[in-house]
Amino acid sequence: MNSIFVEKTRDYILSQEYHITHSIDHIFRVLKNSIFISTFEGGDMEEIAISALLHDIARDEELKNPKIDHAEKGAEIAKNFLININYPKHEEVYYNIMVHRYSKGKIPKTIEAKILQDADRLDALGAIGISRVLMHNNGETLNKRIEHFYDKILKLKDGMNTQKGYELALEKHRLVEKFVHALEEELRY
């Protein structure tokens, strides 16, 4: 995508530090998923790309201080950055980032926000999602990680906002189910 605003945003996010489970790789996978879904669902591609690039800009701050909501803080950081580069849709990106977070139960209203939320959720599913759950264990046992699959990951498919997002999630969901069942079987003694 040829956009000076996307390029400036890309350069900005590459200058930041990220936690291993929400790394720059995660951001670029969300970007790829967002653009792919958008080709089927519509929406403003530039706005979607910028939202995807900035959606976890405050994730590191939240990990250091759990009282910080990375979606709220990230929306503010993104808005200020976009105002500084004169991006006209800074309010739309602010909204997209505000509602992208899974645990807050916010339901996006615009197609751009729906696509961002779906793309972010897709990265928590499939082989990548499995590896992210296991990497982000905080010293927890495998049984605790299995609970996380049931409490969050295996519920993501049913919360998808777009048809294409749901189709992509379904395949990844099946892989997670197979993995969790195999892990449970192997942990039995």
N, C-alpha and C. Protein backbone atom coordinates (compact mmCIF):
# COMPACT_ATOMS: atom_id res chain seq x y z
N MET A 1 0.85 -1.18 0.00
CA MET A 1 0.00 0.00 0.00
C MET A 1 0.89 1.24 0.00
N ASN A 2 0.71 2.09 -0.95
CA ASN A 2 1.48 3.32 -1.05
C ASN A 2 0.75 4.44 -0.33
N SER A 3 1.23 4.77 0.84
CA SER A 3 0.65 5.85 1.62
C SER A 3 1.75 6.42 2.50
N ILE A 4 1.95 7.72 2.42
CA ILE A 4 2.95 8.37 3.25
C ILE A 4 2.61 8.21 4.73
N PHE A 5 1.30 8.19 5.05
CA PHE A 5 0.88 8.04 6.45
C PHE A 5 1.17 6.63 6.96
N VAL A 6 0.96 5.64 6.13
CA VAL A 6 1.27 4.26 6.53
C VAL A 6 2.78 4.11 6.71
N GLU A 7 3.56 4.69 5.81
CA GLU A 7 5.02 4.61 5.92
C GLU A 7 5.53 5.29 7.19
N LYS A 8 5.00 6.47 7.49
CA LYS A 8 5.41 7.18 8.71
C LYS A 8 5.02 6.38 9.95
N THR A 9 3.85 5.77 9.91
CA THR A 9 3.39 4.96 11.04
C THR A 9 4.27 3.73 11.20
N ARG A 10 4.59 3.10 10.09
CA ARG A 10 5.47 1.92 10.11
C ARG A 10 6.82 2.29 10.71
N ASP A 11 7.40 3.38 10.27
CA ASP A 11 8.69 3.83 10.81
C ASP A 11 8.58 4.08 12.32
N TYR A 12 7.50 4.69 12.73
CA TYR A 12 7.29 4.99 14.15
C TYR A 12 7.22 3.72 14.98
N ILE A 13 6.42 2.76 14.55
CA ILE A 13 6.27 1.54 15.37
C ILE A 13 7.56 0.71 15.38
N LEU A 14 8.34 0.79 14.33
CA LEU A 14 9.62 0.07 14.31
C LEU A 14 10.62 0.64 15.31
N SER A 15 10.40 1.87 15.75
CA SER A 15 11.30 2.50 16.72
C SER A 15 10.92 2.18 18.17
N GLN A 16 9.84 1.44 18.37
CA GLN A 16 9.34 1.14 19.72
C GLN A 16 9.81 -0.24 20.19
N GLU A 17 9.66 -0.47 21.51
CA GLU A 17 9.99 -1.78 22.09
C GLU A 17 8.70 -2.54 22.36
N TYR A 18 8.76 -3.86 22.22
CA TYR A 18 7.57 -4.70 22.39
C TYR A 18 7.88 -5.94 23.20
N HIS A 19 6.87 -6.41 23.93
CA HIS A 19 6.96 -7.67 24.67
C HIS A 19 6.92 -8.83 23.68
N ILE A 20 7.53 -9.94 24.04
CA ILE A 20 7.65 -11.07 23.11
C ILE A 20 6.31 -11.58 22.59
N THR A 21 5.24 -11.57 23.42
CA THR A 21 3.96 -12.11 22.95
C THR A 21 3.16 -11.10 22.14
N HIS A 22 3.54 -9.84 22.21
CA HIS A 22 2.89 -8.80 21.41
C HIS A 22 3.98 -8.02 20.68
N SER A 23 4.80 -8.76 19.98
CA SER A 23 5.98 -8.23 19.33
C SER A 23 5.64 -7.52 18.03
N ILE A 24 6.67 -7.01 17.41
CA ILE A 24 6.50 -6.38 16.10
C ILE A 24 5.99 -7.41 15.09
N ASP A 25 6.35 -8.67 15.29
CA ASP A 25 5.84 -9.73 14.41
C ASP A 25 4.32 -9.85 14.55
N HIS A 26 3.83 -9.76 15.79
CA HIS A 26 2.37 -9.79 16.02
C HIS A 26 1.71 -8.63 15.28
N ILE A 27 2.30 -7.46 15.38
CA ILE A 27 1.72 -6.28 14.74
C ILE A 27 1.65 -6.47 13.23
N PHE A 28 2.71 -6.99 12.64
CA PHE A 28 2.69 -7.19 11.19
C PHE A 28 1.75 -8.32 10.77
N ARG A 29 1.56 -9.33 11.63
CA ARG A 29 0.55 -10.35 11.31
C ARG A 29 -0.85 -9.76 11.37
N VAL A 30 -1.10 -8.90 12.36
CA VAL A 30 -2.41 -8.24 12.45
C VAL A 30 -2.62 -7.34 11.24
N LEU A 31 -1.58 -6.65 10.82
CA LEU A 31 -1.66 -5.82 9.61
C LEU A 31 -2.03 -6.68 8.40
N LYS A 32 -1.31 -7.79 8.22
CA LYS A 32 -1.58 -8.69 7.09
C LYS A 32 -3.02 -9.21 7.14
N ASN A 33 -3.45 -9.67 8.31
CA ASN A 33 -4.82 -10.17 8.46
C ASN A 33 -5.85 -9.07 8.18
N SER A 34 -5.58 -7.87 8.66
CA SER A 34 -6.50 -6.74 8.45
C SER A 34 -6.68 -6.43 6.97
N ILE A 35 -5.58 -6.36 6.27
CA ILE A 35 -5.63 -6.05 4.84
C ILE A 35 -6.35 -7.16 4.09
N PHE A 36 -6.06 -8.41 4.45
CA PHE A 36 -6.71 -9.55 3.79
C PHE A 36 -8.22 -9.51 4.02
N ILE A 37 -8.64 -9.34 5.26
CA ILE A 37 -10.08 -9.29 5.56
C ILE A 37 -10.73 -8.12 4.83
N SER A 38 -10.05 -7.00 4.80
CA SER A 38 -10.58 -5.80 4.15
C SER A 38 -10.85 -6.01 2.66
N THR A 39 -10.06 -6.86 2.01
CA THR A 39 -10.29 -7.11 0.58
C THR A 39 -11.63 -7.80 0.35
N PHE A 40 -12.16 -8.46 1.37
CA PHE A 40 -13.47 -9.12 1.27
C PHE A 40 -14.59 -8.29 1.87
N GLU A 41 -14.27 -7.55 2.93
CA GLU A 41 -15.30 -6.86 3.71
C GLU A 41 -15.41 -5.37 3.43
N GLY A 42 -14.40 -4.80 2.78
CA GLY A 42 -14.43 -3.36 2.49
C GLY A 42 -13.75 -2.56 3.59
N GLY A 43 -14.11 -1.29 3.66
CA GLY A 43 -13.50 -0.39 4.64
C GLY A 43 -12.38 0.42 4.03
N ASP A 44 -11.93 1.41 4.76
CA ASP A 44 -10.85 2.29 4.34
C ASP A 44 -9.53 1.59 4.63
N MET A 45 -8.87 1.12 3.59
CA MET A 45 -7.66 0.31 3.73
C MET A 45 -6.54 1.06 4.47
N GLU A 46 -6.37 2.34 4.18
CA GLU A 46 -5.33 3.12 4.85
C GLU A 46 -5.62 3.22 6.34
N GLU A 47 -6.86 3.55 6.69
CA GLU A 47 -7.25 3.65 8.10
C GLU A 47 -7.06 2.32 8.81
N ILE A 48 -7.43 1.24 8.15
CA ILE A 48 -7.29 -0.10 8.73
C ILE A 48 -5.81 -0.42 8.96
N ALA A 49 -4.97 -0.13 7.98
CA ALA A 49 -3.54 -0.42 8.09
C ALA A 49 -2.91 0.38 9.23
N ILE A 50 -3.23 1.64 9.32
CA ILE A 50 -2.67 2.48 10.38
C ILE A 50 -3.16 2.01 11.74
N SER A 51 -4.42 1.65 11.84
CA SER A 51 -4.98 1.13 13.10
C SER A 51 -4.27 -0.16 13.51
N ALA A 52 -4.05 -1.04 12.55
CA ALA A 52 -3.37 -2.31 12.84
C ALA A 52 -1.94 -2.06 13.32
N LEU A 53 -1.25 -1.16 12.66
CA LEU A 53 0.13 -0.87 13.05
C LEU A 53 0.23 -0.29 14.46
N LEU A 54 -0.76 0.48 14.87
CA LEU A 54 -0.70 1.18 16.16
C LEU A 54 -1.50 0.50 17.28
N HIS A 55 -2.21 -0.58 17.00
CA HIS A 55 -3.18 -1.10 17.97
C HIS A 55 -2.57 -1.54 19.30
N ASP A 56 -1.33 -1.97 19.34
CA ASP A 56 -0.70 -2.41 20.60
C ASP A 56 0.45 -1.50 21.02
N ILE A 57 0.42 -0.26 20.61
CA ILE A 57 1.52 0.67 20.88
C ILE A 57 1.76 0.86 22.38
N ALA A 58 0.75 0.64 23.21
CA ALA A 58 0.91 0.81 24.67
C ALA A 58 0.91 -0.53 25.41
N ARG A 59 1.02 -1.63 24.71
CA ARG A 59 0.97 -2.96 25.36
C ARG A 59 2.11 -3.12 26.37
N ASP A 60 3.30 -2.66 26.04
CA ASP A 60 4.43 -2.76 26.95
C ASP A 60 4.16 -2.00 28.25
N GLU A 61 3.54 -0.83 28.13
CA GLU A 61 3.23 -0.03 29.32
C GLU A 61 2.26 -0.77 30.23
N GLU A 62 1.27 -1.45 29.63
CA GLU A 62 0.30 -2.21 30.42
C GLU A 62 0.98 -3.39 31.13
N LEU A 63 1.92 -4.03 30.47
CA LEU A 63 2.62 -5.15 31.09
C LEU A 63 3.46 -4.70 32.27
N LYS A 64 3.99 -3.49 32.20
CA LYS A 64 4.77 -2.94 33.30
C LYS A 64 3.87 -2.43 34.43
N ASN A 65 2.68 -1.96 34.07
CA ASN A 65 1.73 -1.43 35.05
C ASN A 65 0.32 -1.90 34.68
N PRO A 66 -0.16 -2.97 35.32
CA PRO A 66 -1.46 -3.55 34.97
C PRO A 66 -2.66 -2.60 35.14
N LYS A 67 -2.46 -1.47 35.81
CA LYS A 67 -3.55 -0.50 35.95
C LYS A 67 -3.80 0.26 34.65
N ILE A 68 -2.83 0.21 33.76
CA ILE A 68 -2.96 0.87 32.45
C ILE A 68 -3.71 -0.05 31.50
N ASP A 69 -4.70 0.49 30.82
CA ASP A 69 -5.41 -0.24 29.77
C ASP A 69 -4.72 0.10 28.45
N HIS A 70 -4.09 -0.90 27.85
CA HIS A 70 -3.29 -0.61 26.65
C HIS A 70 -4.12 -0.07 25.50
N ALA A 71 -5.40 -0.43 25.43
CA ALA A 71 -6.26 0.07 24.35
C ALA A 71 -6.52 1.56 24.54
N GLU A 72 -6.84 1.96 25.76
CA GLU A 72 -7.10 3.38 26.03
C GLU A 72 -5.84 4.21 25.86
N LYS A 73 -4.76 3.76 26.50
CA LYS A 73 -3.49 4.49 26.42
C LYS A 73 -2.97 4.50 24.98
N GLY A 74 -3.08 3.37 24.31
CA GLY A 74 -2.62 3.27 22.93
C GLY A 74 -3.40 4.17 21.99
N ALA A 75 -4.71 4.27 22.23
CA ALA A 75 -5.55 5.14 21.40
C ALA A 75 -5.09 6.59 21.54
N GLU A 76 -4.75 6.99 22.76
CA GLU A 76 -4.26 8.37 22.99
C GLU A 76 -2.91 8.59 22.31
N ILE A 77 -2.00 7.65 22.49
CA ILE A 77 -0.68 7.76 21.86
C ILE A 77 -0.83 7.83 20.34
N ALA A 78 -1.65 6.95 19.79
CA ALA A 78 -1.87 6.92 18.34
C ALA A 78 -2.45 8.24 17.85
N LYS A 79 -3.46 8.73 18.55
CA LYS A 79 -4.10 9.98 18.14
C LYS A 79 -3.09 11.12 18.12
N ASN A 80 -2.29 11.23 19.17
CA ASN A 80 -1.29 12.31 19.23
C ASN A 80 -0.27 12.18 18.11
N PHE A 81 0.19 10.95 17.87
CA PHE A 81 1.14 10.73 16.78
C PHE A 81 0.52 11.13 15.44
N LEU A 82 -0.72 10.71 15.20
CA LEU A 82 -1.37 10.97 13.92
C LEU A 82 -1.69 12.45 13.72
N ILE A 83 -2.02 13.14 14.79
CA ILE A 83 -2.21 14.59 14.70
C ILE A 83 -0.89 15.25 14.29
N ASN A 84 0.21 14.78 14.89
CA ASN A 84 1.53 15.35 14.58
C ASN A 84 1.94 15.15 13.13
N ILE A 85 1.46 14.07 12.50
CA ILE A 85 1.82 13.85 11.08
C ILE A 85 0.68 14.31 10.15
N ASN A 86 -0.30 14.99 10.73
CA ASN A 86 -1.44 15.57 9.99
C ASN A 86 -2.31 14.53 9.29
N TYR A 87 -2.47 13.37 9.92
CA TYR A 87 -3.36 12.35 9.36
C TYR A 87 -4.81 12.75 9.67
N PRO A 88 -5.65 12.91 8.66
CA PRO A 88 -6.99 13.45 8.87
C PRO A 88 -7.95 12.52 9.62
N LYS A 89 -7.70 11.22 9.64
CA LYS A 89 -8.64 10.29 10.27
C LYS A 89 -8.13 9.81 11.64
N HIS A 90 -7.50 10.72 12.38
CA HIS A 90 -6.96 10.34 13.69
C HIS A 90 -8.06 9.94 14.67
N GLU A 91 -9.23 10.54 14.59
CA GLU A 91 -10.35 10.17 15.48
C GLU A 91 -10.84 8.76 15.18
N GLU A 92 -10.89 8.40 13.91
CA GLU A 92 -11.33 7.06 13.51
C GLU A 92 -10.35 5.99 14.01
N VAL A 93 -9.06 6.27 13.86
CA VAL A 93 -8.05 5.33 14.35
C VAL A 93 -8.12 5.23 15.87
N TYR A 94 -8.31 6.36 16.53
CA TYR A 94 -8.49 6.37 17.99
C TYR A 94 -9.62 5.43 18.38
N TYR A 95 -10.75 5.53 17.72
CA TYR A 95 -11.90 4.67 18.01
C TYR A 95 -11.57 3.20 17.75
N ASN A 96 -10.96 2.91 16.63
CA ASN A 96 -10.63 1.52 16.28
C ASN A 96 -9.76 0.87 17.36
N ILE A 97 -8.78 1.61 17.83
CA ILE A 97 -7.88 1.08 18.85
C ILE A 97 -8.60 0.96 20.20
N MET A 98 -9.44 1.91 20.52
CA MET A 98 -10.19 1.87 21.79
C MET A 98 -11.04 0.61 21.91
N VAL A 99 -11.62 0.15 20.82
CA VAL A 99 -12.56 -0.98 20.90
C VAL A 99 -11.96 -2.32 20.49
N HIS A 100 -10.67 -2.37 20.20
CA HIS A 100 -10.10 -3.62 19.68
C HIS A 100 -9.90 -4.68 20.75
N ARG A 101 -9.84 -4.31 22.00
CA ARG A 101 -9.43 -5.22 23.07
C ARG A 101 -10.48 -6.28 23.40
N TYR A 102 -10.02 -7.51 23.48
CA TYR A 102 -10.90 -8.65 23.76
C TYR A 102 -11.56 -8.55 25.14
N SER A 103 -10.76 -8.33 26.16
CA SER A 103 -11.25 -8.47 27.53
C SER A 103 -12.21 -7.37 27.97
N LYS A 104 -12.31 -6.32 27.24
CA LYS A 104 -13.22 -5.24 27.63
C LYS A 104 -14.63 -5.44 27.09
N GLY A 105 -14.81 -6.41 26.21
CA GLY A 105 -16.14 -6.73 25.70
C GLY A 105 -16.77 -5.64 24.86
N LYS A 106 -15.96 -4.77 24.29
CA LYS A 106 -16.49 -3.68 23.46
C LYS A 106 -16.86 -4.22 22.08
N ILE A 107 -17.99 -3.77 21.59
CA ILE A 107 -18.46 -4.22 20.28
C ILE A 107 -18.23 -3.10 19.27
N PRO A 108 -17.36 -3.32 18.30
CA PRO A 108 -17.07 -2.28 17.31
C PRO A 108 -18.26 -2.01 16.40
N LYS A 109 -18.42 -0.76 16.03
CA LYS A 109 -19.55 -0.35 15.19
C LYS A 109 -19.18 -0.14 13.73
N THR A 110 -17.94 0.26 13.46
CA THR A 110 -17.53 0.54 12.08
C THR A 110 -16.86 -0.69 11.47
N ILE A 111 -16.87 -0.79 10.17
CA ILE A 111 -16.24 -1.93 9.50
C ILE A 111 -14.74 -1.95 9.78
N GLU A 112 -14.11 -0.79 9.85
CA GLU A 112 -12.68 -0.72 10.12
C GLU A 112 -12.36 -1.28 11.51
N ALA A 113 -13.16 -0.90 12.50
CA ALA A 113 -12.95 -1.39 13.87
C ALA A 113 -13.24 -2.88 13.97
N LYS A 114 -14.25 -3.33 13.25
CA LYS A 114 -14.58 -4.77 13.24
C LYS A 114 -13.43 -5.58 12.64
N ILE A 115 -12.87 -5.08 11.57
CA ILE A 115 -11.76 -5.77 10.90
C ILE A 115 -10.54 -5.81 11.81
N LEU A 116 -10.21 -4.69 12.47
CA LEU A 116 -9.06 -4.67 13.37
C LEU A 116 -9.25 -5.68 14.50
N GLN A 117 -10.42 -5.69 15.11
CA GLN A 117 -10.67 -6.62 16.21
C GLN A 117 -10.55 -8.08 15.73
N ASP A 118 -11.13 -8.38 14.58
CA ASP A 118 -11.03 -9.73 14.03
C ASP A 118 -9.57 -10.11 13.74
N ALA A 119 -8.83 -9.22 13.13
CA ALA A 119 -7.44 -9.50 12.77
C ALA A 119 -6.59 -9.75 14.01
N ASP A 120 -6.82 -8.98 15.05
CA ASP A 120 -6.09 -9.16 16.30
C ASP A 120 -6.45 -10.50 16.94
N ARG A 121 -7.71 -10.84 16.94
CA ARG A 121 -8.16 -12.11 17.51
C ARG A 121 -7.62 -13.30 16.72
N LEU A 122 -7.52 -13.16 15.41
CA LEU A 122 -6.98 -14.25 14.59
C LEU A 122 -5.57 -14.62 15.01
N ASP A 123 -4.81 -13.64 15.47
CA ASP A 123 -3.43 -13.92 15.86
C ASP A 123 -3.35 -14.65 17.20
N ALA A 124 -4.45 -14.76 17.91
CA ALA A 124 -4.49 -15.52 19.16
C ALA A 124 -4.94 -16.96 18.91
N LEU A 125 -5.23 -17.28 17.66
CA LEU A 125 -5.69 -18.62 17.28
C LEU A 125 -4.63 -19.33 16.44
N GLY A 126 -4.85 -20.61 16.15
CA GLY A 126 -3.95 -21.37 15.30
C GLY A 126 -2.62 -21.65 15.96
N ALA A 127 -1.64 -22.04 15.16
CA ALA A 127 -0.32 -22.40 15.68
C ALA A 127 0.36 -21.21 16.37
N ILE A 128 0.22 -20.03 15.78
CA ILE A 128 0.80 -18.83 16.40
C ILE A 128 0.15 -18.58 17.75
N GLY A 129 -1.16 -18.67 17.81
CA GLY A 129 -1.88 -18.46 19.06
C GLY A 129 -1.45 -19.44 20.14
N ILE A 130 -1.30 -20.69 19.76
CA ILE A 130 -0.85 -21.71 20.71
C ILE A 130 0.52 -21.34 21.26
N SER A 131 1.44 -20.99 20.38
CA SER A 131 2.79 -20.65 20.83
C SER A 131 2.79 -19.40 21.70
N ARG A 132 1.95 -18.43 21.39
CA ARG A 132 1.88 -17.22 22.20
C ARG A 132 1.37 -17.53 23.61
N VAL A 133 0.37 -18.39 23.71
CA VAL A 133 -0.16 -18.76 25.02
C VAL A 133 0.92 -19.45 25.85
N LEU A 134 1.66 -20.34 25.23
CA LEU A 134 2.69 -21.07 25.97
C LEU A 134 3.89 -20.19 26.32
N MET A 135 4.22 -19.22 25.48
CA MET A 135 5.32 -18.29 25.79
C MET A 135 4.96 -17.33 26.91
N HIS A 136 3.71 -16.96 26.98
CA HIS A 136 3.24 -15.95 27.95
C HIS A 136 2.66 -16.67 29.16
N ASN A 137 3.50 -17.46 29.83
CA ASN A 137 2.96 -18.31 30.89
C ASN A 137 3.10 -17.75 32.30
N ASN A 138 3.89 -16.73 32.49
CA ASN A 138 4.08 -16.12 33.81
C ASN A 138 4.37 -17.16 34.88
N GLY A 139 5.07 -18.23 34.53
CA GLY A 139 5.41 -19.27 35.48
C GLY A 139 4.25 -20.20 35.84
N GLU A 140 3.16 -20.12 35.08
CA GLU A 140 2.00 -20.96 35.36
C GLU A 140 2.22 -22.39 34.87
N THR A 141 1.48 -23.32 35.46
CA THR A 141 1.55 -24.71 35.05
C THR A 141 0.84 -24.90 33.71
N LEU A 142 1.08 -26.04 33.09
CA LEU A 142 0.37 -26.36 31.84
C LEU A 142 -1.13 -26.42 32.07
N ASN A 143 -1.55 -26.92 33.22
CA ASN A 143 -2.99 -26.97 33.50
C ASN A 143 -3.60 -25.57 33.53
N LYS A 144 -2.86 -24.60 34.05
CA LYS A 144 -3.34 -23.20 34.05
C LYS A 144 -3.41 -22.67 32.62
N ARG A 145 -2.45 -23.01 31.81
CA ARG A 145 -2.45 -22.56 30.42
C ARG A 145 -3.62 -23.19 29.66
N ILE A 146 -3.93 -24.45 29.98
CA ILE A 146 -5.09 -25.11 29.37
C ILE A 146 -6.36 -24.35 29.74
N GLU A 147 -6.46 -23.92 30.99
CA GLU A 147 -7.62 -23.12 31.41
C GLU A 147 -7.74 -21.85 30.56
N HIS A 148 -6.60 -21.24 30.26
CA HIS A 148 -6.61 -20.02 29.44
C HIS A 148 -7.17 -20.31 28.04
N PHE A 149 -6.82 -21.45 27.50
CA PHE A 149 -7.39 -21.82 26.19
C PHE A 149 -8.91 -21.87 26.28
N TYR A 150 -9.43 -22.48 27.34
CA TYR A 150 -10.88 -22.60 27.48
C TYR A 150 -11.54 -21.27 27.86
N ASP A 151 -10.89 -20.50 28.73
CA ASP A 151 -11.47 -19.24 29.20
C ASP A 151 -11.48 -18.15 28.14
N LYS A 152 -10.51 -18.17 27.24
CA LYS A 152 -10.42 -17.09 26.25
C LYS A 152 -10.28 -17.57 24.81
N ILE A 153 -9.22 -18.29 24.54
CA ILE A 153 -8.84 -18.59 23.16
C ILE A 153 -9.93 -19.34 22.40
N LEU A 154 -10.51 -20.35 23.01
CA LEU A 154 -11.53 -21.15 22.32
C LEU A 154 -12.88 -20.44 22.23
N LYS A 155 -12.98 -19.26 22.80
CA LYS A 155 -14.21 -18.46 22.67
C LYS A 155 -14.11 -17.41 21.56
N LEU A 156 -12.91 -17.18 21.08
CA LEU A 156 -12.69 -16.11 20.10
C LEU A 156 -13.48 -16.28 18.81
N LYS A 157 -13.55 -17.48 18.32
CA LYS A 157 -14.23 -17.76 17.04
C LYS A 157 -15.65 -17.19 17.03
N ASP A 158 -16.35 -17.37 18.12
CA ASP A 158 -17.75 -16.94 18.17
C ASP A 158 -17.92 -15.43 18.34
N GLY A 159 -16.83 -14.73 18.57
CA GLY A 159 -16.90 -13.28 18.71
C GLY A 159 -16.43 -12.52 17.49
N MET A 160 -16.21 -13.23 16.40
CA MET A 160 -15.74 -12.55 15.19
C MET A 160 -16.84 -11.67 14.63
N ASN A 161 -16.45 -10.55 14.06
CA ASN A 161 -17.39 -9.53 13.59
C ASN A 161 -17.71 -9.61 12.10
N THR A 162 -16.82 -10.21 11.33
CA THR A 162 -17.00 -10.25 9.88
C THR A 162 -17.09 -11.70 9.41
N GLN A 163 -17.70 -11.89 8.27
CA GLN A 163 -17.81 -13.24 7.71
C GLN A 163 -16.44 -13.82 7.41
N LYS A 164 -15.57 -13.05 6.77
CA LYS A 164 -14.24 -13.54 6.44
C LYS A 164 -13.43 -13.81 7.70
N GLY A 165 -13.56 -12.95 8.69
CA GLY A 165 -12.89 -13.19 9.96
C GLY A 165 -13.33 -14.49 10.60
N TYR A 166 -14.62 -14.76 10.55
CA TYR A 166 -15.15 -16.00 11.12
C TYR A 166 -14.63 -17.22 10.36
N GLU A 167 -14.61 -17.13 9.04
CA GLU A 167 -14.12 -18.26 8.23
C GLU A 167 -12.66 -18.57 8.56
N LEU A 168 -11.85 -17.54 8.68
CA LEU A 168 -10.44 -17.74 9.01
C LEU A 168 -10.29 -18.28 10.43
N ALA A 169 -11.10 -17.77 11.34
CA ALA A 169 -11.03 -18.20 12.74
C ALA A 169 -11.43 -19.65 12.91
N LEU A 170 -12.40 -20.09 12.15
CA LEU A 170 -12.91 -21.46 12.28
C LEU A 170 -11.80 -22.49 12.06
N GLU A 171 -11.03 -22.31 11.02
CA GLU A 171 -9.93 -23.23 10.72
C GLU A 171 -8.88 -23.21 11.84
N LYS A 172 -8.52 -22.02 12.29
CA LYS A 172 -7.52 -21.89 13.35
C LYS A 172 -8.06 -22.45 14.68
N HIS A 173 -9.35 -22.24 14.93
CA HIS A 173 -10.00 -22.74 16.14
C HIS A 173 -9.89 -24.27 16.21
N ARG A 174 -10.12 -24.92 15.09
CA ARG A 174 -10.05 -26.39 15.05
C ARG A 174 -8.65 -26.89 15.42
N LEU A 175 -7.63 -26.19 14.95
CA LEU A 175 -6.26 -26.57 15.29
C LEU A 175 -6.02 -26.44 16.80
N VAL A 176 -6.50 -25.35 17.39
CA VAL A 176 -6.34 -25.14 18.83
C VAL A 176 -7.07 -26.24 19.61
N GLU A 177 -8.29 -26.56 19.19
CA GLU A 177 -9.05 -27.63 19.85
C GLU A 177 -8.27 -28.95 19.83
N LYS A 178 -7.74 -29.31 18.67
CA LYS A 178 -6.97 -30.56 18.54
C LYS A 178 -5.76 -30.54 19.47
N PHE A 179 -5.07 -29.41 19.50
CA PHE A 179 -3.89 -29.29 20.35
C PHE A 179 -4.26 -29.44 21.82
N VAL A 180 -5.28 -28.72 22.26
CA VAL A 180 -5.67 -28.76 23.68
C VAL A 180 -6.10 -30.17 24.07
N HIS A 181 -6.88 -30.83 23.23
CA HIS A 181 -7.31 -32.20 23.53
C HIS A 181 -6.10 -33.15 23.59
N ALA A 182 -5.16 -33.00 22.68
CA ALA A 182 -3.96 -33.84 22.69
C ALA A 182 -3.13 -33.57 23.94
N LEU A 183 -2.99 -32.30 24.31
CA LEU A 183 -2.23 -31.94 25.50
C LEU A 183 -2.88 -32.51 26.76
N GLU A 184 -4.20 -32.38 26.85
CA GLU A 184 -4.91 -32.93 28.00
C GLU A 184 -4.71 -34.45 28.09
N GLU A 185 -4.78 -35.10 26.95
CA GLU A 185 -4.60 -36.56 26.91
C GLU A 185 -3.21 -36.95 27.39
N GLU A 186 -2.20 -36.23 26.93
CA GLU A 186 -0.83 -36.56 27.31
C GLU A 186 -0.52 -36.22 28.76
N LEU A 187 -1.26 -35.29 29.34
CA LEU A 187 -1.03 -34.91 30.74
C LEU A 187 -1.73 -35.85 31.73
N ARG A 188 -2.60 -36.71 31.25
CA ARG A 188 -3.29 -37.67 32.13
C ARG A 188 -2.29 -38.71 32.64
N TYR A 189 -2.42 -39.01 33.93
CA TYR A 189 -1.57 -40.07 34.50
C TYR A 189 -2.34 -40.91 35.47
